[in-house]
Full PDB file with SEQRES, HELIX, SHEET, SSBOND, CRYST1, ORIGX, SCALE, CONECT and MASTER records, all heavy atoms in Angstrom:
SEQRES   1 A   30  ALA ARG ALA LYS VAL ARG THR GLY GLY VAL THR ALA ASP          
SEQRES   2 A   30  SER ILE PRO GLU SER ALA LEU LEU ALA ARG PHE MET ALA          
SEQRES   3 A   30  GLY ALA VAL ARG                                              
HELIX    1 AA1 ALA A   12  SER A   14  5                                   3    
HELIX    2 AA2 SER A   18  VAL A   29  1                                  12    
CRYST1    1.000    1.000    1.000  90.00  90.00  90.00 P 1           1          
ORIGX1      1.000000  0.000000  0.000000        0.00000                         
ORIGX2      0.000000  1.000000  0.000000        0.00000                         
ORIGX3      0.000000  0.000000  1.000000        0.00000                         
SCALE1      1.000000  0.000000  0.000000        0.00000                         
SCALE2      0.000000  1.000000  0.000000        0.00000                         
SCALE3      0.000000  0.000000  1.000000        0.00000                         
ATOM      1  N   ALA A   1     -29.441  73.722  86.754  1.00  0.00           N  
ATOM      2  CA  ALA A   1     -28.196  73.097  87.200  1.00  0.00           C  
ATOM      3  C   ALA A   1     -28.344  72.630  88.645  1.00  0.00           C  
ATOM      4  O   ALA A   1     -29.422  72.698  89.248  1.00  0.00           O  
ATOM      5  CB  ALA A   1     -27.039  74.086  87.062  1.00  0.00           C  
ATOM      6  N   ARG A   2     -27.241  72.137  89.200  1.00  0.00           N  
ATOM      7  CA  ARG A   2     -27.216  71.673  90.585  1.00  0.00           C  
ATOM      8  C   ARG A   2     -26.148  72.441  91.334  1.00  0.00           C  
ATOM      9  O   ARG A   2     -25.212  72.974  90.736  1.00  0.00           O  
ATOM     10  CB  ARG A   2     -26.962  70.173  90.635  1.00  0.00           C  
ATOM     11  CG  ARG A   2     -27.958  69.369  89.794  1.00  0.00           C  
ATOM     12  CD  ARG A   2     -27.714  67.891  89.901  1.00  0.00           C  
ATOM     13  NE  ARG A   2     -28.507  67.120  88.958  1.00  0.00           N  
ATOM     14  CZ  ARG A   2     -29.783  66.797  89.109  1.00  0.00           C  
ATOM     15  NH1 ARG A   2     -30.435  67.226  90.187  1.00  0.00           N  
ATOM     16  NH2 ARG A   2     -30.418  66.074  88.204  1.00  0.00           N  
ATOM     17  N   ALA A   3     -26.261  72.481  92.645  1.00  0.00           N  
ATOM     18  CA  ALA A   3     -25.297  73.199  93.467  1.00  0.00           C  
ATOM     19  C   ALA A   3     -24.265  72.240  94.047  1.00  0.00           C  
ATOM     20  O   ALA A   3     -24.424  71.016  94.008  1.00  0.00           O  
ATOM     21  CB  ALA A   3     -26.018  73.947  94.586  1.00  0.00           C  
ATOM     22  N   LYS A   4     -23.222  72.817  94.569  1.00  0.00           N  
ATOM     23  CA  LYS A   4     -22.168  72.056  95.234  1.00  0.00           C  
ATOM     24  C   LYS A   4     -21.727  72.857  96.443  1.00  0.00           C  
ATOM     25  O   LYS A   4     -21.540  74.078  96.347  1.00  0.00           O  
ATOM     26  CB  LYS A   4     -21.003  71.824  94.269  1.00  0.00           C  
ATOM     27  CG  LYS A   4     -19.812  71.072  94.846  1.00  0.00           C  
ATOM     28  CD  LYS A   4     -18.751  70.894  93.751  1.00  0.00           C  
ATOM     29  CE  LYS A   4     -17.450  70.346  94.288  1.00  0.00           C  
ATOM     30  NZ  LYS A   4     -16.405  70.254  93.225  1.00  0.00           N  
ATOM     31  N   VAL A   5     -21.576  72.170  97.573  1.00  0.00           N  
ATOM     32  CA  VAL A   5     -21.210  72.854  98.806  1.00  0.00           C  
ATOM     33  C   VAL A   5     -19.988  72.187  99.412  1.00  0.00           C  
ATOM     34  O   VAL A   5     -19.872  70.955  99.439  1.00  0.00           O  
ATOM     35  CB  VAL A   5     -22.391  72.864  99.810  1.00  0.00           C  
ATOM     36  CG1 VAL A   5     -22.785  71.444 100.232  1.00  0.00           C  
ATOM     37  CG2 VAL A   5     -22.062  73.709 101.031  1.00  0.00           C  
ATOM     38  N   ARG A   6     -19.069  73.013  99.896  1.00  0.00           N  
ATOM     39  CA  ARG A   6     -17.855  72.496 100.529  1.00  0.00           C  
ATOM     40  C   ARG A   6     -18.139  72.281 102.010  1.00  0.00           C  
ATOM     41  O   ARG A   6     -18.503  73.205 102.741  1.00  0.00           O  
ATOM     42  CB  ARG A   6     -16.703  73.477 100.311  1.00  0.00           C  
ATOM     43  CG  ARG A   6     -15.328  72.934 100.680  1.00  0.00           C  
ATOM     44  CD  ARG A   6     -14.238  73.703  99.968  1.00  0.00           C  
ATOM     45  NE  ARG A   6     -14.285  73.471  98.540  1.00  0.00           N  
ATOM     46  CZ  ARG A   6     -13.674  72.470  97.915  1.00  0.00           C  
ATOM     47  NH1 ARG A   6     -12.962  71.599  98.612  1.00  0.00           N  
ATOM     48  NH2 ARG A   6     -13.769  72.341  96.606  1.00  0.00           N  
ATOM     49  N   THR A   7     -17.946  71.035 102.454  1.00  0.00           N  
ATOM     50  CA  THR A   7     -18.301  70.672 103.834  1.00  0.00           C  
ATOM     51  C   THR A   7     -17.083  70.398 104.710  1.00  0.00           C  
ATOM     52  O   THR A   7     -17.221  69.947 105.839  1.00  0.00           O  
ATOM     53  CB  THR A   7     -19.213  69.434 103.841  1.00  0.00           C  
ATOM     54  OG1 THR A   7     -18.686  68.441 102.960  1.00  0.00           O  
ATOM     55  CG2 THR A   7     -20.616  69.801 103.383  1.00  0.00           C  
ATOM     56  N   GLY A   8     -15.892  70.647 104.200  1.00  0.00           N  
ATOM     57  CA  GLY A   8     -14.692  70.411 105.001  1.00  0.00           C  
ATOM     58  C   GLY A   8     -13.443  70.678 104.202  1.00  0.00           C  
ATOM     59  O   GLY A   8     -13.472  71.316 103.149  1.00  0.00           O  
ATOM     60  N   GLY A   9     -12.330  70.164 104.720  1.00  0.00           N  
ATOM     61  CA  GLY A   9     -11.036  70.357 104.091  1.00  0.00           C  
ATOM     62  C   GLY A   9      -9.935  69.904 105.026  1.00  0.00           C  
ATOM     63  O   GLY A   9     -10.186  69.201 106.011  1.00  0.00           O  
ATOM     64  N   VAL A  10      -8.714  70.323 104.738  1.00  0.00           N  
ATOM     65  CA  VAL A  10      -7.565  69.858 105.520  1.00  0.00           C  
ATOM     66  C   VAL A  10      -7.211  70.815 106.649  1.00  0.00           C  
ATOM     67  O   VAL A  10      -6.218  70.617 107.347  1.00  0.00           O  
ATOM     68  CB  VAL A  10      -6.352  69.628 104.603  1.00  0.00           C  
ATOM     69  CG1 VAL A  10      -6.636  68.504 103.609  1.00  0.00           C  
ATOM     70  CG2 VAL A  10      -5.951  70.906 103.872  1.00  0.00           C  
ATOM     71  N   THR A  11      -7.999  71.859 106.840  1.00  0.00           N  
ATOM     72  CA  THR A  11      -7.812  72.768 107.969  1.00  0.00           C  
ATOM     73  C   THR A  11      -9.148  72.942 108.683  1.00  0.00           C  
ATOM     74  O   THR A  11     -10.219  72.827 108.070  1.00  0.00           O  
ATOM     75  CB  THR A  11      -7.303  74.149 107.510  1.00  0.00           C  
ATOM     76  OG1 THR A  11      -8.251  74.715 106.591  1.00  0.00           O  
ATOM     77  CG2 THR A  11      -5.936  74.033 106.833  1.00  0.00           C  
ATOM     78  N   ALA A  12      -9.084  73.230 109.962  1.00  0.00           N  
ATOM     79  CA  ALA A  12     -10.305  73.345 110.758  1.00  0.00           C  
ATOM     80  C   ALA A  12     -11.203  74.470 110.257  1.00  0.00           C  
ATOM     81  O   ALA A  12     -12.433  74.353 110.290  1.00  0.00           O  
ATOM     82  CB  ALA A  12      -9.948  73.562 112.227  1.00  0.00           C  
ATOM     83  N   ASP A  13     -10.595  75.563 109.765  1.00  0.00           N  
ATOM     84  CA  ASP A  13     -11.419  76.687 109.329  1.00  0.00           C  
ATOM     85  C   ASP A  13     -12.122  76.439 108.005  1.00  0.00           C  
ATOM     86  O   ASP A  13     -12.924  77.263 107.559  1.00  0.00           O  
ATOM     87  CB  ASP A  13     -10.599  77.978 109.272  1.00  0.00           C  
ATOM     88  CG  ASP A  13      -9.423  77.891 108.297  1.00  0.00           C  
ATOM     89  OD1 ASP A  13      -9.282  76.871 107.600  1.00  0.00           O  
ATOM     90  OD2 ASP A  13      -8.640  78.864 108.239  1.00  0.00           O  
ATOM     91  N   SER A  14     -11.832  75.311 107.357  1.00  0.00           N  
ATOM     92  CA  SER A  14     -12.531  74.978 106.117  1.00  0.00           C  
ATOM     93  C   SER A  14     -13.836  74.226 106.378  1.00  0.00           C  
ATOM     94  O   SER A  14     -14.586  73.949 105.436  1.00  0.00           O  
ATOM     95  CB  SER A  14     -11.626  74.135 105.213  1.00  0.00           C  
ATOM     96  OG  SER A  14     -11.307  72.896 105.817  1.00  0.00           O  
ATOM     97  N   ILE A  15     -14.109  73.895 107.625  1.00  0.00           N  
ATOM     98  CA  ILE A  15     -15.339  73.173 107.992  1.00  0.00           C  
ATOM     99  C   ILE A  15     -16.415  74.202 108.328  1.00  0.00           C  
ATOM    100  O   ILE A  15     -16.269  74.963 109.289  1.00  0.00           O  
ATOM    101  CB  ILE A  15     -15.096  72.249 109.193  1.00  0.00           C  
ATOM    102  CG1 ILE A  15     -13.976  71.250 108.878  1.00  0.00           C  
ATOM    103  CG2 ILE A  15     -16.375  71.507 109.566  1.00  0.00           C  
ATOM    104  CD1 ILE A  15     -13.523  70.445 110.077  1.00  0.00           C  
ATOM    105  N   PRO A  16     -17.490  74.257 107.573  1.00  0.00           N  
ATOM    106  CA  PRO A  16     -18.511  75.285 107.834  1.00  0.00           C  
ATOM    107  C   PRO A  16     -19.285  75.007 109.114  1.00  0.00           C  
ATOM    108  O   PRO A  16     -19.497  73.864 109.502  1.00  0.00           O  
ATOM    109  CB  PRO A  16     -19.420  75.197 106.611  1.00  0.00           C  
ATOM    110  CG  PRO A  16     -19.289  73.783 106.149  1.00  0.00           C  
ATOM    111  CD  PRO A  16     -17.858  73.415 106.422  1.00  0.00           C  
ATOM    112  N   GLU A  17     -19.729  76.067 109.749  1.00  0.00           N  
ATOM    113  CA  GLU A  17     -20.576  75.919 110.918  1.00  0.00           C  
ATOM    114  C   GLU A  17     -21.899  75.258 110.514  1.00  0.00           C  
ATOM    115  O   GLU A  17     -22.389  75.434 109.402  1.00  0.00           O  
ATOM    116  CB  GLU A  17     -20.862  77.289 111.541  1.00  0.00           C  
ATOM    117  CG  GLU A  17     -19.627  77.990 112.092  1.00  0.00           C  
ATOM    118  CD  GLU A  17     -19.959  79.365 112.638  1.00  0.00           C  
ATOM    119  OE1 GLU A  17     -21.170  79.717 112.648  1.00  0.00           O  
ATOM    120  OE2 GLU A  17     -19.031  80.088 113.024  1.00  0.00           O  
ATOM    121  N   SER A  18     -22.461  74.519 111.450  1.00  0.00           N  
ATOM    122  CA  SER A  18     -23.703  73.803 111.168  1.00  0.00           C  
ATOM    123  C   SER A  18     -24.818  74.742 110.735  1.00  0.00           C  
ATOM    124  O   SER A  18     -25.607  74.420 109.838  1.00  0.00           O  
ATOM    125  CB  SER A  18     -24.138  73.003 112.389  1.00  0.00           C  
ATOM    126  OG  SER A  18     -23.176  72.028 112.726  1.00  0.00           O  
ATOM    127  N   ALA A  19     -24.898  75.923 111.347  1.00  0.00           N  
ATOM    128  CA  ALA A  19     -25.966  76.859 111.012  1.00  0.00           C  
ATOM    129  C   ALA A  19     -25.841  77.332 109.569  1.00  0.00           C  
ATOM    130  O   ALA A  19     -26.849  77.494 108.867  1.00  0.00           O  
ATOM    131  CB  ALA A  19     -25.943  78.050 111.963  1.00  0.00           C  
ATOM    132  N   LEU A  20     -24.608  77.558 109.105  1.00  0.00           N  
ATOM    133  CA  LEU A  20     -24.406  77.998 107.728  1.00  0.00           C  
ATOM    134  C   LEU A  20     -24.743  76.875 106.750  1.00  0.00           C  
ATOM    135  O   LEU A  20     -25.353  77.111 105.698  1.00  0.00           O  
ATOM    136  CB  LEU A  20     -22.969  78.467 107.523  1.00  0.00           C  
ATOM    137  CG  LEU A  20     -22.545  79.701 108.310  1.00  0.00           C  
ATOM    138  CD1 LEU A  20     -21.081  80.027 108.029  1.00  0.00           C  
ATOM    139  CD2 LEU A  20     -23.430  80.890 107.967  1.00  0.00           C  
ATOM    140  N   LEU A  21     -24.345  75.653 107.094  1.00  0.00           N  
ATOM    141  CA  LEU A  21     -24.653  74.521 106.223  1.00  0.00           C  
ATOM    142  C   LEU A  21     -26.161  74.280 106.182  1.00  0.00           C  
ATOM    143  O   LEU A  21     -26.732  74.012 105.114  1.00  0.00           O  
ATOM    144  CB  LEU A  21     -23.919  73.272 106.722  1.00  0.00           C  
ATOM    145  CG  LEU A  21     -24.048  72.015 105.878  1.00  0.00           C  
ATOM    146  CD1 LEU A  21     -23.654  72.255 104.432  1.00  0.00           C  
ATOM    147  CD2 LEU A  21     -23.195  70.892 106.489  1.00  0.00           C  
ATOM    148  N   ALA A  22     -26.830  74.420 107.324  1.00  0.00           N  
ATOM    149  CA  ALA A  22     -28.283  74.244 107.365  1.00  0.00           C  
ATOM    150  C   ALA A  22     -28.973  75.312 106.516  1.00  0.00           C  
ATOM    151  O   ALA A  22     -29.950  75.019 105.818  1.00  0.00           O  
ATOM    152  CB  ALA A  22     -28.776  74.304 108.808  1.00  0.00           C  
ATOM    153  N   ARG A  23     -28.474  76.558 106.579  1.00  0.00           N  
ATOM    154  CA  ARG A  23     -29.073  77.617 105.767  1.00  0.00           C  
ATOM    155  C   ARG A  23     -28.915  77.318 104.276  1.00  0.00           C  
ATOM    156  O   ARG A  23     -29.861  77.495 103.492  1.00  0.00           O  
ATOM    157  CB  ARG A  23     -28.425  78.968 106.094  1.00  0.00           C  
ATOM    158  CG  ARG A  23     -29.036  80.128 105.335  1.00  0.00           C  
ATOM    159  CD  ARG A  23     -28.393  81.443 105.715  1.00  0.00           C  
ATOM    160  NE  ARG A  23     -26.998  81.513 105.294  1.00  0.00           N  
ATOM    161  CZ  ARG A  23     -26.202  82.556 105.510  1.00  0.00           C  
ATOM    162  NH1 ARG A  23     -26.671  83.615 106.175  1.00  0.00           N  
ATOM    163  NH2 ARG A  23     -24.940  82.550 105.115  1.00  0.00           N  
ATOM    164  N   PHE A  24     -27.725  76.848 103.878  1.00  0.00           N  
ATOM    165  CA  PHE A  24     -27.519  76.469 102.471  1.00  0.00           C  
ATOM    166  C   PHE A  24     -28.495  75.373 102.062  1.00  0.00           C  
ATOM    167  O   PHE A  24     -29.143  75.460 101.014  1.00  0.00           O  
ATOM    168  CB  PHE A  24     -26.078  76.006 102.261  1.00  0.00           C  
ATOM    169  CG  PHE A  24     -25.879  75.292 100.954  1.00  0.00           C  
ATOM    170  CD1 PHE A  24     -25.572  76.003  99.805  1.00  0.00           C  
ATOM    171  CD2 PHE A  24     -26.020  73.908 100.857  1.00  0.00           C  
ATOM    172  CE1 PHE A  24     -25.425  75.347  98.584  1.00  0.00           C  
ATOM    173  CE2 PHE A  24     -25.872  73.244  99.641  1.00  0.00           C  
ATOM    174  CZ  PHE A  24     -25.570  73.977  98.502  1.00  0.00           C  
ATOM    175  N   MET A  25     -28.586  74.328 102.867  1.00  0.00           N  
ATOM    176  CA  MET A  25     -29.421  73.190 102.517  1.00  0.00           C  
ATOM    177  C   MET A  25     -30.897  73.586 102.456  1.00  0.00           C  
ATOM    178  O   MET A  25     -31.634  73.186 101.548  1.00  0.00           O  
ATOM    179  CB  MET A  25     -29.205  72.050 103.513  1.00  0.00           C  
ATOM    180  CG  MET A  25     -27.799  71.467 103.454  1.00  0.00           C  
ATOM    181  SD  MET A  25     -27.394  70.415 104.874  1.00  0.00           S  
ATOM    182  CE  MET A  25     -28.595  69.111 104.686  1.00  0.00           C  
ATOM    183  N   ALA A  26     -31.340  74.395 103.418  1.00  0.00           N  
ATOM    184  CA  ALA A  26     -32.729  74.846 103.420  1.00  0.00           C  
ATOM    185  C   ALA A  26     -33.004  75.701 102.184  1.00  0.00           C  
ATOM    186  O   ALA A  26     -34.067  75.591 101.557  1.00  0.00           O  
ATOM    187  CB  ALA A  26     -33.034  75.631 104.690  1.00  0.00           C  
ATOM    188  N   GLY A  27     -32.037  76.536 101.821  1.00  0.00           N  
ATOM    189  CA  GLY A  27     -32.196  77.356 100.627  1.00  0.00           C  
ATOM    190  C   GLY A  27     -32.267  76.510  99.370  1.00  0.00           C  
ATOM    191  O   GLY A  27     -33.049  76.802  98.455  1.00  0.00           O  
ATOM    192  N   ALA A  28     -31.466  75.447  99.318  1.00  0.00           N  
ATOM    193  CA  ALA A  28     -31.490  74.553  98.159  1.00  0.00           C  
ATOM    194  C   ALA A  28     -32.835  73.849  98.050  1.00  0.00           C  
ATOM    195  O   ALA A  28     -33.396  73.716  96.953  1.00  0.00           O  
ATOM    196  CB  ALA A  28     -30.357  73.536  98.271  1.00  0.00           C  
ATOM    197  N   VAL A  29     -33.365  73.411  99.177  1.00  0.00           N  
ATOM    198  CA  VAL A  29     -34.677  72.739  99.161  1.00  0.00           C  
ATOM    199  C   VAL A  29     -35.762  73.715  98.714  1.00  0.00           C  
ATOM    200  O   VAL A  29     -36.619  73.377  97.886  1.00  0.00           O  
ATOM    201  CB  VAL A  29     -34.993  72.148 100.546  1.00  0.00           C  
ATOM    202  CG1 VAL A  29     -36.440  71.688 100.623  1.00  0.00           C  
ATOM    203  CG2 VAL A  29     -34.057  70.985 100.843  1.00  0.00           C  
ATOM    204  N   ARG A  30     -35.728  74.943  99.227  1.00  0.00           N  
ATOM    205  CA  ARG A  30     -36.736  75.935  98.831  1.00  0.00           C  
ATOM    206  C   ARG A  30     -36.650  76.244  97.341  1.00  0.00           C  
ATOM    207  O   ARG A  30     -37.664  76.431  96.671  1.00  0.00           O  
ATOM    208  CB  ARG A  30     -36.575  77.215  99.646  1.00  0.00           C  
ATOM    209  CG  ARG A  30     -37.089  77.133 101.072  1.00  0.00           C  
ATOM    210  CD  ARG A  30     -37.179  78.508 101.707  1.00  0.00           C  
ATOM    211  NE  ARG A  30     -35.878  79.149 101.798  1.00  0.00           N  
ATOM    212  CZ  ARG A  30     -35.071  79.055 102.845  1.00  0.00           C  
ATOM    213  NH1 ARG A  30     -35.438  78.324 103.898  1.00  0.00           N  
ATOM    214  NH2 ARG A  30     -33.916  79.679 102.862  1.00  0.00           N  
TER     215      ARG A  30                                                      
MASTER        0    0    0    2    0    0    0    6  214    1    0    3          
END                                                                             
């Protein structure tokens, strides 16, 4: 299957930190 990641929303706290998003993306590539 494929993954899906939430990168934002209608509140500031729904936007993930860059480090967390980078970790997700690096994990997906690995």
